[in-house]
Amino acid sequence: MYIRINILRVIAILLVTVTAEVLLFCRAASMPNTGLEDVIDRSGVMWAMAAAFILMTVQLCAAGGDRGGRQNYTLQRLALQERTVTFWQMAVNALFYLLFWTVQGLLLIILCVAVRDPGDILSGQALFLACWRSPLLHGLIPMGEVLVWIRNAVFCAALGIVTAKFSWCRRRGKFGVGVLFAAAACLLSFLREVGKTVEDTLVILFLLVVVAAAVTGIVTEEEEYDEKDQTVS
């Protein structure tokens, strides 16, 4: 159900973002530059990426959160506990963020390869070096820095959890603040320079705390509801 609600809108966001990023990158590459890092920094693709990230987060938060909507009515009729459905929604949302990360990383690599010319400064080992020297490219494709790969995977998982928790809260007339913390952490720390191990570790720990609070809130309230329901019965 959640895939059907979100898939076309997520694809539309990705298509618009990819188009904008291609135009921005090609425009920057056509100007005098000193290398791939300069093209990436001047292109403004990170702003298009950030805008798409925010739009997708808003979409995933809104899906299934209407208290009187058809999706909520369907949930109430399922023979599954709502927390079980919510946990499946978390997994689906995490996969959407993984798709977003994958598309952005592949697109930037393709764009960097496309502007290479054997006779200019963009040739040779430029792409390999840019993956280490460009904060945006290194954040997307951290090469041998395993901790950054782990951080990005935690980003996807944490954002999937807190966006589903936001929908869960909306169905109860509440507001899930966890998505604000997780999204802010992603936006503020995604650009990544080499050797920032302490910062990455702190971000991962912060996200784990946010995730633990979100999951605990769902489990605790659902268990209390089950106990009340059994008492009434």
Protein backbone atom coordinates (compact mmCIF):
# COMPACT_ATOMS: atom_id res chain seq x y z
CA MET A 1 0.00 0.00 0.00
CA TYR A 2 2.74 2.43 0.93
CA ILE A 3 4.76 1.54 -2.15
CA ARG A 4 1.74 2.30 -4.32
CA ILE A 5 1.16 5.61 -2.54
CA ASN A 6 4.75 6.80 -2.82
CA ILE A 7 6.49 5.19 -5.76
CA LEU A 8 5.24 7.47 -8.55
CA ARG A 9 5.82 10.62 -6.50
CA VAL A 10 9.31 9.54 -5.47
CA ILE A 11 10.16 8.72 -9.10
CA ALA A 12 8.80 12.12 -10.19
CA ILE A 13 10.97 13.86 -7.58
CA LEU A 14 14.03 11.90 -8.76
CA LEU A 15 13.38 12.65 -12.44
CA VAL A 16 12.99 16.38 -11.83
CA THR A 17 16.09 16.38 -9.62
CA VAL A 18 18.19 14.43 -12.14
CA THR A 19 17.17 16.82 -14.92
CA ALA A 20 18.05 19.87 -12.84
CA GLU A 21 21.37 18.40 -11.75
CA VAL A 22 22.37 17.49 -15.30
CA LEU A 23 21.66 21.03 -16.49
CA LEU A 24 23.47 22.61 -13.54
CA PHE A 25 26.50 20.34 -13.89
CA CYS A 26 26.82 20.78 -17.66
CA ARG A 27 26.56 24.55 -17.26
CA ALA A 28 29.35 24.58 -14.67
CA ALA A 29 31.51 22.21 -16.74
CA SER A 30 31.26 24.49 -19.77
CA MET A 31 32.85 27.37 -17.84
CA PRO A 32 36.57 27.76 -17.11
CA ASN A 33 37.42 25.53 -14.16
CA THR A 34 40.33 24.01 -12.29
CA GLY A 35 39.09 20.44 -11.99
CA LEU A 36 36.16 18.22 -11.11
CA GLU A 37 35.97 19.50 -7.54
CA ASP A 38 35.58 23.03 -8.87
CA VAL A 39 32.83 21.93 -11.27
CA ILE A 40 30.97 20.09 -8.52
CA ASP A 41 31.21 23.00 -6.07
CA ARG A 42 30.18 25.64 -8.61
CA SER A 43 27.38 23.63 -10.22
CA GLY A 44 25.01 23.87 -7.25
CA VAL A 45 23.93 20.22 -7.57
CA MET A 46 24.08 19.89 -3.78
CA TRP A 47 21.26 22.44 -3.45
CA ALA A 48 19.10 20.52 -5.94
CA MET A 49 19.90 17.33 -4.03
CA ALA A 50 18.98 18.93 -0.69
CA ALA A 51 15.69 20.25 -2.09
CA ALA A 52 14.81 16.79 -3.45
CA PHE A 53 15.70 15.21 -0.11
CA ILE A 54 13.35 17.58 1.73
CA LEU A 55 10.52 17.01 -0.77
CA MET A 56 10.86 13.25 -0.51
CA THR A 57 10.93 13.40 3.28
CA VAL A 58 7.75 15.48 3.32
CA GLN A 59 6.07 13.01 0.95
CA LEU A 60 7.01 9.98 3.04
CA CYS A 61 5.87 11.70 6.23
CA ALA A 62 2.50 12.57 4.70
CA ALA A 63 1.78 9.11 3.26
CA GLY A 64 -0.60 7.12 5.41
CA GLY A 65 -0.94 9.79 8.07
CA ASP A 66 -4.47 10.98 7.34
CA ARG A 67 -6.58 10.09 10.39
CA GLY A 68 -9.79 9.89 8.35
CA GLY A 69 -8.30 8.81 5.05
CA ARG A 70 -8.65 5.62 3.05
CA GLN A 71 -5.22 4.35 4.10
CA ASN A 72 -6.05 4.68 7.79
CA TYR A 73 -9.36 2.93 7.21
CA THR A 74 -7.52 0.09 5.48
CA LEU A 75 -5.08 -0.20 8.39
CA GLN A 76 -7.93 -0.55 10.85
CA ARG A 77 -9.41 -3.43 8.84
CA LEU A 78 -6.19 -5.43 8.57
CA ALA A 79 -5.73 -8.55 10.68
CA LEU A 80 -2.30 -7.24 11.71
CA GLN A 81 -1.29 -5.08 14.62
CA GLU A 82 -0.71 -1.50 13.57
CA ARG A 83 2.85 -1.52 14.85
CA THR A 84 3.61 -4.44 12.52
CA VAL A 85 2.32 -2.45 9.56
CA THR A 86 4.29 0.60 10.76
CA PHE A 87 7.50 -1.44 10.92
CA TRP A 88 6.92 -2.56 7.32
CA GLN A 89 6.40 1.08 6.39
CA MET A 90 9.75 1.88 8.03
CA ALA A 91 11.46 -0.72 5.83
CA VAL A 92 9.78 0.59 2.68
CA ASN A 93 10.73 4.20 3.47
CA ALA A 94 14.33 3.16 4.18
CA LEU A 95 14.47 1.53 0.74
CA PHE A 96 13.23 4.77 -0.83
CA TYR A 97 16.11 6.64 0.82
CA LEU A 98 18.53 3.95 -0.34
CA LEU A 99 17.19 4.45 -3.88
CA PHE A 100 17.69 8.21 -3.54
CA TRP A 101 21.29 7.77 -2.35
CA THR A 102 22.06 5.26 -5.14
CA VAL A 103 20.60 7.46 -7.91
CA GLN A 104 22.47 10.53 -6.69
CA GLY A 105 25.78 8.71 -6.43
CA LEU A 106 25.50 7.07 -9.85
CA LEU A 107 24.37 10.30 -11.48
CA LEU A 108 27.30 12.29 -10.14
CA ILE A 109 29.78 9.63 -11.28
CA ILE A 110 28.23 9.54 -14.76
CA LEU A 111 28.33 13.33 -15.00
CA CYS A 112 31.96 13.45 -13.88
CA VAL A 113 32.96 10.78 -16.41
CA ALA A 114 31.00 12.50 -19.18
CA VAL A 115 32.89 15.80 -18.89
CA ARG A 116 36.32 14.18 -18.97
CA ASP A 117 38.51 15.07 -21.91
CA PRO A 118 41.85 13.30 -22.45
CA GLY A 119 43.48 16.62 -23.22
CA ASP A 120 42.40 18.70 -20.25
CA ILE A 121 42.55 18.81 -16.47
CA LEU A 122 39.46 16.60 -16.07
CA SER A 123 41.26 13.52 -17.41
CA GLY A 124 43.28 10.73 -15.82
CA GLN A 125 42.80 10.22 -12.10
CA ALA A 126 40.57 13.29 -11.68
CA LEU A 127 37.47 11.30 -10.77
CA PHE A 128 39.33 9.11 -8.29
CA LEU A 129 40.89 12.16 -6.62
CA ALA A 130 37.58 14.03 -6.61
CA CYS A 131 35.97 11.17 -4.69
CA TRP A 132 38.43 11.96 -1.90
CA ARG A 133 38.67 15.75 -2.20
CA SER A 134 35.09 16.82 -2.97
CA PRO A 135 32.98 16.85 0.23
CA LEU A 136 29.78 16.15 -1.72
CA LEU A 137 31.20 13.34 -3.85
CA HIS A 138 32.99 11.81 -0.88
CA GLY A 139 29.78 11.96 1.15
CA LEU A 140 27.98 10.01 -1.59
CA ILE A 141 30.83 7.65 -2.52
CA PRO A 142 33.26 7.47 0.42
CA MET A 143 35.63 5.04 -1.31
CA GLY A 144 37.61 3.19 1.38
CA GLU A 145 36.18 4.97 4.41
CA VAL A 146 33.99 2.22 5.83
CA LEU A 147 32.63 4.43 8.61
CA VAL A 148 31.07 6.79 6.07
CA TRP A 149 29.37 3.87 4.29
CA ILE A 150 27.99 2.83 7.66
CA ARG A 151 26.91 6.40 8.38
CA ASN A 152 25.02 6.62 5.08
CA ALA A 153 23.32 3.27 5.71
CA VAL A 154 22.30 4.53 9.16
CA PHE A 155 20.94 7.67 7.50
CA CYS A 156 18.70 5.57 5.25
CA ALA A 157 17.50 3.33 8.07
CA ALA A 158 16.95 6.16 10.55
CA LEU A 159 15.08 8.35 8.07
CA GLY A 160 12.89 5.41 7.07
CA ILE A 161 12.01 4.83 10.73
CA VAL A 162 11.30 8.43 11.72
CA THR A 163 9.20 9.20 8.63
CA ALA A 164 7.03 6.15 9.34
CA LYS A 165 6.85 7.23 12.99
CA PHE A 166 5.68 10.66 11.85
CA SER A 167 2.79 9.08 9.92
CA TRP A 168 1.99 6.93 12.97
CA CYS A 169 1.87 10.05 15.15
CA ARG A 170 -0.35 11.93 12.71
CA ARG A 171 -2.92 9.14 12.83
CA ARG A 172 -3.13 9.89 16.55
CA GLY A 173 -3.24 13.65 16.20
CA LYS A 174 0.37 14.04 17.38
CA PHE A 175 3.58 15.39 15.85
CA GLY A 176 6.68 13.23 15.48
CA VAL A 177 9.69 15.46 16.10
CA GLY A 178 12.22 12.71 15.40
CA VAL A 179 12.08 13.36 11.66
CA LEU A 180 13.22 16.95 12.23
CA PHE A 181 16.30 15.81 14.16
CA ALA A 182 17.21 13.06 11.70
CA ALA A 183 16.70 15.21 8.59
CA ALA A 184 18.69 18.09 10.11
CA ALA A 185 21.54 15.73 11.02
CA CYS A 186 21.62 14.42 7.45
CA LEU A 187 21.54 17.86 5.83
CA LEU A 188 24.15 19.38 8.14
CA SER A 189 26.65 16.51 8.11
CA PHE A 190 26.31 14.87 4.70
CA LEU A 191 29.09 16.89 3.06
CA ARG A 192 32.08 14.92 4.21
CA GLU A 193 35.79 15.68 4.26
CA VAL A 194 38.34 12.91 4.70
CA GLY A 195 39.29 11.94 8.24
CA LYS A 196 36.25 13.20 10.17
CA THR A 197 35.91 9.99 12.18
CA VAL A 198 34.80 11.61 15.43
CA GLU A 199 32.09 13.67 13.73
CA ASP A 200 30.73 10.62 11.88
CA THR A 201 30.68 8.57 15.07
CA LEU A 202 28.77 11.27 16.92
CA VAL A 203 26.22 11.56 14.10
CA ILE A 204 25.68 7.79 14.09
CA LEU A 205 25.21 7.72 17.86
CA PHE A 206 22.80 10.65 17.70
CA LEU A 207 20.71 8.92 15.03
CA LEU A 208 20.66 5.69 17.01
CA VAL A 209 19.25 7.60 19.98
CA VAL A 210 16.58 9.20 17.78
CA VAL A 211 15.67 5.79 16.31
CA ALA A 212 15.55 4.14 19.72
CA ALA A 213 13.19 6.85 20.99
CA ALA A 214 10.93 6.48 17.94
CA VAL A 215 10.68 2.69 18.12
CA THR A 216 10.27 2.66 21.91
CA GLY A 217 7.44 5.19 21.65
CA ILE A 218 5.55 3.01 19.16
CA VAL A 219 6.06 -0.25 21.05
CA THR A 220 5.18 1.26 24.44
CA GLU A 221 1.99 2.95 23.31
CA GLU A 222 0.84 -0.07 21.30
CA GLU A 223 1.41 -2.36 24.30
CA GLU A 224 -0.57 0.00 26.54
CA TYR A 225 -3.39 0.02 23.98
CA ASP A 226 -3.36 -3.80 23.83
CA GLU A 227 -3.57 -4.03 27.63
CA LYS A 228 -6.52 -1.63 27.74
CA ASP A 229 -8.25 -3.54 24.95
CA GLN A 230 -7.82 -6.84 26.81
CA THR A 231 -9.12 -5.26 30.03
CA VAL A 232 -12.23 -3.97 28.27
CA SER A 233 -12.80 -7.36 26.65
